[in-house]
């Protein structure tokens, strides 16, 4: 069994290796607050996300696709 510290390092490596962004990084990239991403998820809108080890992450490609398809930081208005 891996220790929690080892799991954390492994999860961080895998997220970086597969080009995932944390919720905070995605919010910065979209120029919104992390709470906005939470509200979008509740409303069923916004970019596609994945749950990894109980953390919400966003694939960089999914953010780009969402923006290219007309996604906007004004999605809840």
PDB file of N, CA and C in Angstrom:
ATOM      1  N   UNK A   1       0.840  -1.172   0.000  1.00  0.00           N
ATOM      2  CA  UNK A   1       0.000   0.000   0.000  1.00  0.00           C
ATOM      3  C   UNK A   1       0.891   1.243   0.000  1.00  0.00           C
ATOM      4  N   UNK A   2       0.552   2.200  -0.840  1.00  0.00           N
ATOM      5  CA  UNK A   2       1.331   3.438  -0.921  1.00  0.00           C
ATOM      6  C   UNK A   2       0.947   4.391   0.200  1.00  0.00           C
ATOM      7  N   UNK A   3       1.917   5.159   0.643  1.00  0.00           N
ATOM      8  CA  UNK A   3       1.632   6.169   1.668  1.00  0.00           C
ATOM      9  C   UNK A   3       0.888   7.332   1.007  1.00  0.00           C
ATOM     10  N   UNK A   4       0.164   8.150   1.790  1.00  0.00           N
ATOM     11  CA  UNK A   4      -0.530   9.300   1.222  1.00  0.00           C
ATOM     12  C   UNK A   4       0.401  10.249   0.477  1.00  0.00           C
ATOM     13  N   UNK A   5       1.610  10.435   0.982  1.00  0.00           N
ATOM     14  CA  UNK A   5       2.563  11.328   0.313  1.00  0.00           C
ATOM     15  C   UNK A   5       2.947  10.775  -1.053  1.00  0.00           C
ATOM     16  N   UNK A   6       3.158   9.463  -1.132  1.00  0.00           N
ATOM     17  CA  UNK A   6       3.505   8.842  -2.411  1.00  0.00           C
ATOM     18  C   UNK A   6       2.344   8.955  -3.382  1.00  0.00           C
ATOM     19  N   UNK A   7       1.131   8.743  -2.900  1.00  0.00           N
ATOM     20  CA  UNK A   7      -0.056   8.862  -3.755  1.00  0.00           C
ATOM     21  C   UNK A   7      -0.178  10.276  -4.295  1.00  0.00           C
ATOM     22  N   UNK A   8       0.087  11.273  -3.448  1.00  0.00           N
ATOM     23  CA  UNK A   8      -0.014  12.663  -3.868  1.00  0.00           C
ATOM     24  C   UNK A   8       1.000  12.988  -4.957  1.00  0.00           C
ATOM     25  N   UNK A   9       2.225  12.533  -4.786  1.00  0.00           N
ATOM     26  CA  UNK A   9       3.265  12.760  -5.796  1.00  0.00           C
ATOM     27  C   UNK A   9       2.896  12.062  -7.093  1.00  0.00           C
ATOM     28  N   UNK A  10       2.407  10.832  -7.003  1.00  0.00           N
ATOM     29  CA  UNK A  10       2.016  10.076  -8.188  1.00  0.00           C
ATOM     30  C   UNK A  10       0.858  10.758  -8.901  1.00  0.00           C
ATOM     31  N   UNK A  11      -0.144  11.209  -8.152  1.00  0.00           N
ATOM     32  CA  UNK A  11      -1.291  11.888  -8.758  1.00  0.00           C
ATOM     33  C   UNK A  11      -0.836  13.168  -9.449  1.00  0.00           C
ATOM     34  N   UNK A  12       0.037  13.941  -8.803  1.00  0.00           N
ATOM     35  CA  UNK A  12       0.554  15.163  -9.415  1.00  0.00           C
ATOM     36  C   UNK A  12       1.303  14.880 -10.700  1.00  0.00           C
ATOM     37  N   UNK A  13       2.097  13.834 -10.708  1.00  0.00           N
ATOM     38  CA  UNK A  13       2.838  13.455 -11.912  1.00  0.00           C
ATOM     39  C   UNK A  13       1.885  13.085 -13.027  1.00  0.00           C
ATOM     40  N   UNK A  14       0.892  12.271 -12.711  1.00  0.00           N
ATOM     41  CA  UNK A  14      -0.052  11.835 -13.743  1.00  0.00           C
ATOM     42  C   UNK A  14      -0.852  13.002 -14.300  1.00  0.00           C
ATOM     43  N   UNK A  15      -1.254  13.929 -13.434  1.00  0.00           N
ATOM     44  CA  UNK A  15      -1.999  15.092 -13.916  1.00  0.00           C
ATOM     45  C   UNK A  15      -1.144  15.922 -14.857  1.00  0.00           C
ATOM     46  N   UNK A  16       0.107  16.117 -14.507  1.00  0.00           N
ATOM     47  CA  UNK A  16       1.008  16.887 -15.365  1.00  0.00           C
ATOM     48  C   UNK A  16       1.301  16.133 -16.660  1.00  0.00           C
ATOM     49  N   UNK A  17       1.550  14.849 -16.556  1.00  0.00           N
ATOM     50  CA  UNK A  17       1.890  14.031 -17.717  1.00  0.00           C
ATOM     51  C   UNK A  17       0.767  14.027 -18.752  1.00  0.00           C
ATOM     52  N   UNK A  18      -0.466  13.996 -18.298  1.00  0.00           N
ATOM     53  CA  UNK A  18      -1.598  13.931 -19.207  1.00  0.00           C
ATOM     54  C   UNK A  18      -2.246  15.291 -19.441  1.00  0.00           C
ATOM     55  N   UNK A  19      -1.552  16.354 -19.065  1.00  0.00           N
ATOM     56  CA  UNK A  19      -1.935  17.730 -19.354  1.00  0.00           C
ATOM     57  C   UNK A  19      -3.271  18.133 -18.726  1.00  0.00           C
ATOM     58  N   UNK A  20      -3.443  17.787 -17.467  1.00  0.00           N
ATOM     59  CA  UNK A  20      -4.614  18.219 -16.714  1.00  0.00           C
ATOM     60  C   UNK A  20      -4.257  19.454 -15.903  1.00  0.00           C
ATOM     61  N   UNK A  21      -5.246  20.296 -15.692  1.00  0.00           N
ATOM     62  CA  UNK A  21      -5.081  21.486 -14.877  1.00  0.00           C
ATOM     63  C   UNK A  21      -5.961  21.362 -13.645  1.00  0.00           C
ATOM     64  N   UNK A  22      -5.487  21.868 -12.531  1.00  0.00           N
ATOM     65  CA  UNK A  22      -6.313  21.901 -11.331  1.00  0.00           C
ATOM     66  C   UNK A  22      -7.452  22.889 -11.568  1.00  0.00           C
ATOM     67  N   UNK A  23      -8.415  22.858 -10.675  1.00  0.00           N
ATOM     68  CA  UNK A  23      -9.536  23.796 -10.779  1.00  0.00           C
ATOM     69  C   UNK A  23      -9.035  25.239 -10.720  1.00  0.00           C
ATOM     70  N   UNK A  24      -8.070  25.490  -9.856  1.00  0.00           N
ATOM     71  CA  UNK A  24      -7.516  26.834  -9.722  1.00  0.00           C
ATOM     72  C   UNK A  24      -6.794  27.269 -10.998  1.00  0.00           C
ATOM     73  N   UNK A  25      -6.012  26.360 -11.576  1.00  0.00           N
ATOM     74  CA  UNK A  25      -5.290  26.677 -12.820  1.00  0.00           C
ATOM     75  C   UNK A  25      -6.265  26.915 -13.971  1.00  0.00           C
ATOM     76  N   UNK A  26      -7.310  26.104 -14.046  1.00  0.00           N
ATOM     77  CA  UNK A  26      -8.316  26.274 -15.103  1.00  0.00           C
ATOM     78  C   UNK A  26      -9.019  27.617 -14.953  1.00  0.00           C
ATOM     79  N   UNK A  27      -9.345  27.987 -13.711  1.00  0.00           N
ATOM     80  CA  UNK A  27     -10.009  29.264 -13.467  1.00  0.00           C
ATOM     81  C   UNK A  27      -9.127  30.427 -13.912  1.00  0.00           C
ATOM     82  N   UNK A  28      -7.848  30.346 -13.604  1.00  0.00           N
ATOM     83  CA  UNK A  28      -6.919  31.399 -14.033  1.00  0.00           C
ATOM     84  C   UNK A  28      -6.885  31.464 -15.556  1.00  0.00           C
ATOM     85  N   UNK A  29      -6.794  30.308 -16.206  1.00  0.00           N
ATOM     86  CA  UNK A  29      -6.743  30.271 -17.659  1.00  0.00           C
ATOM     87  C   UNK A  29      -7.993  30.826 -18.324  1.00  0.00           C
ATOM     88  N   UNK A  30      -9.139  30.646 -17.671  1.00  0.00           N
ATOM     89  CA  UNK A  30     -10.407  31.141 -18.216  1.00  0.00           C
ATOM     90  C   UNK A  30     -10.752  32.537 -17.709  1.00  0.00           C
ATOM     91  N   UNK A  31      -9.918  33.062 -16.820  1.00  0.00           N
ATOM     92  CA  UNK A  31     -10.124  34.383 -16.229  1.00  0.00           C
ATOM     93  C   UNK A  31     -11.450  34.461 -15.469  1.00  0.00           C
ATOM     94  N   UNK A  32     -11.699  33.412 -14.664  1.00  0.00           N
ATOM     95  CA  UNK A  32     -12.872  33.373 -13.791  1.00  0.00           C
ATOM     96  C   UNK A  32     -12.413  32.930 -12.407  1.00  0.00           C
ATOM     97  N   UNK A  33     -13.294  33.049 -11.437  1.00  0.00           N
ATOM     98  CA  UNK A  33     -12.978  32.565 -10.096  1.00  0.00           C
ATOM     99  C   UNK A  33     -13.271  31.069 -10.028  1.00  0.00           C
ATOM    100  N   UNK A  34     -12.543  30.331  -9.199  1.00  0.00           N
ATOM    101  CA  UNK A  34     -12.835  28.898  -9.058  1.00  0.00           C
ATOM    102  C   UNK A  34     -14.297  28.625  -8.702  1.00  0.00           C
ATOM    103  N   UNK A  35     -14.912  29.512  -7.935  1.00  0.00           N
ATOM    104  CA  UNK A  35     -16.321  29.335  -7.576  1.00  0.00           C
ATOM    105  C   UNK A  35     -17.219  29.367  -8.821  1.00  0.00           C
ATOM    106  N   UNK A  36     -16.811  30.112  -9.835  1.00  0.00           N
ATOM    107  CA  UNK A  36     -17.576  30.141 -11.078  1.00  0.00           C
ATOM    108  C   UNK A  36     -17.591  28.759 -11.716  1.00  0.00           C
ATOM    109  N   UNK A  37     -16.455  28.064 -11.696  1.00  0.00           N
ATOM    110  CA  UNK A  37     -16.417  26.710 -12.247  1.00  0.00           C
ATOM    111  C   UNK A  37     -17.333  25.776 -11.457  1.00  0.00           C
ATOM    112  N   UNK A  38     -17.399  25.968 -10.148  1.00  0.00           N
ATOM    113  CA  UNK A  38     -18.300  25.167  -9.313  1.00  0.00           C
ATOM    114  C   UNK A  38     -19.746  25.419  -9.736  1.00  0.00           C
ATOM    115  N   UNK A  39     -20.114  26.674  -9.902  1.00  0.00           N
ATOM    116  CA  UNK A  39     -21.482  27.026 -10.308  1.00  0.00           C
ATOM    117  C   UNK A  39     -21.811  26.470 -11.693  1.00  0.00           C
ATOM    118  N   UNK A  40     -20.852  26.530 -12.612  1.00  0.00           N
ATOM    119  CA  UNK A  40     -21.081  25.973 -13.948  1.00  0.00           C
ATOM    120  C   UNK A  40     -21.331  24.470 -13.869  1.00  0.00           C
ATOM    121  N   UNK A  41     -20.553  23.773 -13.033  1.00  0.00           N
ATOM    122  CA  UNK A  41     -20.756  22.323 -12.899  1.00  0.00           C
ATOM    123  C   UNK A  41     -22.140  22.028 -12.344  1.00  0.00           C
ATOM    124  N   UNK A  42     -22.573  22.788 -11.337  1.00  0.00           N
ATOM    125  CA  UNK A  42     -23.901  22.598 -10.757  1.00  0.00           C
ATOM    126  C   UNK A  42     -24.996  22.822 -11.794  1.00  0.00           C
ATOM    127  N   UNK A  43     -24.773  23.774 -12.686  1.00  0.00           N
ATOM    128  CA  UNK A  43     -25.762  24.115 -13.707  1.00  0.00           C
ATOM    129  C   UNK A  43     -25.659  23.202 -14.934  1.00  0.00           C
ATOM    130  N   UNK A  44     -24.646  22.349 -14.967  1.00  0.00           N
ATOM    131  CA  UNK A  44     -24.470  21.449 -16.103  1.00  0.00           C
ATOM    132  C   UNK A  44     -23.929  22.135 -17.346  1.00  0.00           C
ATOM    133  N   UNK A  45     -23.228  23.243 -17.139  1.00  0.00           N
ATOM    134  CA  UNK A  45     -22.620  23.959 -18.263  1.00  0.00           C
ATOM    135  C   UNK A  45     -21.127  24.090 -17.987  1.00  0.00           C
ATOM    136  N   UNK A  46     -20.424  24.697 -18.899  1.00  0.00           N
ATOM    137  CA  UNK A  46     -18.995  24.890 -18.692  1.00  0.00           C
ATOM    138  C   UNK A  46     -18.180  23.782 -19.328  1.00  0.00           C
ATOM    139  N   UNK A  47     -16.872  23.873 -19.189  1.00  0.00           N
ATOM    140  CA  UNK A  47     -15.992  22.891 -19.816  1.00  0.00           C
ATOM    141  C   UNK A  47     -16.093  21.519 -19.154  1.00  0.00           C
ATOM    142  N   UNK A  48     -15.776  20.500 -19.929  1.00  0.00           N
ATOM    143  CA  UNK A  48     -15.761  19.123 -19.423  1.00  0.00           C
ATOM    144  C   UNK A  48     -14.700  19.004 -18.333  1.00  0.00           C
ATOM    145  N   UNK A  49     -15.017  18.237 -17.314  1.00  0.00           N
ATOM    146  CA  UNK A  49     -14.083  18.047 -16.207  1.00  0.00           C
ATOM    147  C   UNK A  49     -13.974  16.563 -15.886  1.00  0.00           C
ATOM    148  N   UNK A  50     -12.985  16.232 -15.097  1.00  0.00           N
ATOM    149  CA  UNK A  50     -12.744  14.854 -14.673  1.00  0.00           C
ATOM    150  C   UNK A  50     -12.479  14.878 -13.171  1.00  0.00           C
ATOM    151  N   UNK A  51     -12.848  13.810 -12.496  1.00  0.00           N
ATOM    152  CA  UNK A  51     -12.554  13.681 -11.073  1.00  0.00           C
ATOM    153  C   UNK A  51     -11.424  12.668 -10.928  1.00  0.00           C
ATOM    154  N   UNK A  52     -10.330  13.097 -10.322  1.00  0.00           N
ATOM    155  CA  UNK A  52      -9.177  12.234 -10.086  1.00  0.00           C
ATOM    156  C   UNK A  52      -8.858  12.318  -8.596  1.00  0.00           C
ATOM    157  N   UNK A  53      -8.955  11.195  -7.932  1.00  0.00           N
ATOM    158  CA  UNK A  53      -8.672  11.140  -6.494  1.00  0.00           C
ATOM    159  C   UNK A  53      -9.455  12.206  -5.731  1.00  0.00           C
ATOM    160  N   UNK A  54     -10.726  12.318  -6.048  1.00  0.00           N
ATOM    161  CA  UNK A  54     -11.652  13.272  -5.415  1.00  0.00           C
ATOM    162  C   UNK A  54     -11.299  14.733  -5.687  1.00  0.00           C
ATOM    163  N   UNK A  55     -10.496  14.969  -6.712  1.00  0.00           N
ATOM    164  CA  UNK A  55     -10.163  16.337  -7.125  1.00  0.00           C
ATOM    165  C   UNK A  55     -10.752  16.586  -8.499  1.00  0.00           C
ATOM    166  N   UNK A  56     -11.294  17.769  -8.707  1.00  0.00           N
ATOM    167  CA  UNK A  56     -11.800  18.173 -10.015  1.00  0.00           C
ATOM    168  C   UNK A  56     -10.614  18.679 -10.824  1.00  0.00           C
ATOM    169  N   UNK A  57     -10.454  18.144 -12.025  1.00  0.00           N
ATOM    170  CA  UNK A  57      -9.380  18.590 -12.918  1.00  0.00           C
ATOM    171  C   UNK A  57      -9.957  18.796 -14.311  1.00  0.00           C
ATOM    172  N   UNK A  58      -9.264  19.583 -15.089  1.00  0.00           N
ATOM    173  CA  UNK A  58      -9.689  19.904 -16.444  1.00  0.00           C
ATOM    174  C   UNK A  58      -8.563  19.601 -17.413  1.00  0.00           C
ATOM    175  N   UNK A  59      -8.876  18.905 -18.473  1.00  0.00           N
ATOM    176  CA  UNK A  59      -7.888  18.646 -19.506  1.00  0.00           C
ATOM    177  C   UNK A  59      -7.748  19.926 -20.337  1.00  0.00           C
ATOM    178  N   UNK A  60      -6.531  20.309 -20.594  1.00  0.00           N
ATOM    179  CA  UNK A  60      -6.281  21.549 -21.337  1.00  0.00           C
ATOM    180  C   UNK A  60      -7.046  21.566 -22.663  1.00  0.00           C
ATOM    181  N   UNK A  61      -7.056  20.437 -23.369  1.00  0.00           N
ATOM    182  CA  UNK A  61      -7.774  20.357 -24.645  1.00  0.00           C
ATOM    183  C   UNK A  61      -9.267  20.621 -24.475  1.00  0.00           C
ATOM    184  N   UNK A  62      -9.854  20.135 -23.365  1.00  0.00           N
ATOM    185  CA  UNK A  62     -11.289  20.342 -23.114  1.00  0.00           C
ATOM    186  C   UNK A  62     -11.598  21.822 -22.902  1.00  0.00           C
ATOM    187  N   UNK A  63     -10.701  22.530 -22.231  1.00  0.00           N
ATOM    188  CA  UNK A  63     -10.905  23.968 -22.037  1.00  0.00           C
ATOM    189  C   UNK A  63     -10.850  24.697 -23.376  1.00  0.00           C
ATOM    190  N   UNK A  64      -9.877  24.333 -24.203  1.00  0.00           N
ATOM    191  CA  UNK A  64      -9.745  24.967 -25.517  1.00  0.00           C
ATOM    192  C   UNK A  64     -10.953  24.669 -26.392  1.00  0.00           C
ATOM    193  N   UNK A  65     -11.426  23.416 -26.376  1.00  0.00           N
ATOM    194  CA  UNK A  65     -12.604  23.049 -27.169  1.00  0.00           C
ATOM    195  C   UNK A  65     -13.828  23.819 -26.704  1.00  0.00           C
ATOM    196  N   UNK A  66     -13.990  23.951 -25.396  1.00  0.00           N
ATOM    197  CA  UNK A  66     -15.137  24.663 -24.851  1.00  0.00           C
ATOM    198  C   UNK A  66     -15.121  26.120 -25.297  1.00  0.00           C
ATOM    199  N   UNK A  67     -13.953  26.748 -25.234  1.00  0.00           N
ATOM    200  CA  UNK A  67     -13.835  28.134 -25.674  1.00  0.00           C
ATOM    201  C   UNK A  67     -14.082  28.252 -27.177  1.00  0.00           C
ATOM    202  N   UNK A  68     -13.525  27.328 -27.955  1.00  0.00           N
ATOM    203  CA  UNK A  68     -13.703  27.350 -29.410  1.00  0.00           C
ATOM    204  C   UNK A  68     -15.158  27.151 -29.821  1.00  0.00           C
ATOM    205  N   UNK A  69     -15.920  26.408 -28.986  1.00  0.00           N
ATOM    206  CA  UNK A  69     -17.316  26.134 -29.324  1.00  0.00           C
ATOM    207  C   UNK A  69     -18.251  27.263 -28.863  1.00  0.00           C
ATOM    208  N   UNK A  70     -17.670  28.342 -28.384  1.00  0.00           N
ATOM    209  CA  UNK A  70     -18.476  29.488 -27.985  1.00  0.00           C
ATOM    210  C   UNK A  70     -18.661  29.613 -26.503  1.00  0.00           C
ATOM    211  N   UNK A  71     -17.974  28.772 -25.719  1.00  0.00           N
ATOM    212  CA  UNK A  71     -18.047  28.884 -24.268  1.00  0.00           C
ATOM    213  C   UNK A  71     -17.559  30.260 -23.837  1.00  0.00           C
ATOM    214  N   UNK A  72     -18.125  30.747 -22.776  1.00  0.00           N
ATOM    215  CA  UNK A  72     -17.799  32.104 -22.351  1.00  0.00           C
ATOM    216  C   UNK A  72     -17.850  32.191 -20.846  1.00  0.00           C
ATOM    217  N   UNK A  73     -17.077  33.102 -20.305  1.00  0.00           N
ATOM    218  CA  UNK A  73     -17.126  33.288 -18.857  1.00  0.00           C
ATOM    219  C   UNK A  73     -18.446  33.924 -18.429  1.00  0.00           C
ATOM    220  N   UNK A  74     -19.269  34.327 -19.378  1.00  0.00           N
ATOM    221  CA  UNK A  74     -20.588  34.876 -19.078  1.00  0.00           C
ATOM    222  C   UNK A  74     -21.678  33.822 -19.216  1.00  0.00           C
ATOM    223  N   UNK A  75     -21.307  32.550 -19.117  1.00  0.00           N
ATOM    224  CA  UNK A  75     -22.234  31.441 -19.374  1.00  0.00           C
ATOM    225  C   UNK A  75     -23.451  31.444 -18.463  1.00  0.00           C
ATOM    226  N   UNK A  76     -23.344  31.941 -17.252  1.00  0.00           N
ATOM    227  CA  UNK A  76     -24.481  31.911 -16.321  1.00  0.00           C
ATOM    228  C   UNK A  76     -25.403  33.115 -16.459  1.00  0.00           C
ATOM    229  N   UNK A  77     -25.049  34.056 -17.268  1.00  0.00           N
ATOM    230  CA  UNK A  77     -25.879  35.267 -17.401  1.00  0.00           C
ATOM    231  C   UNK A  77     -27.043  35.027 -18.333  1.00  0.00           C
TER     232      UNK A  77
END
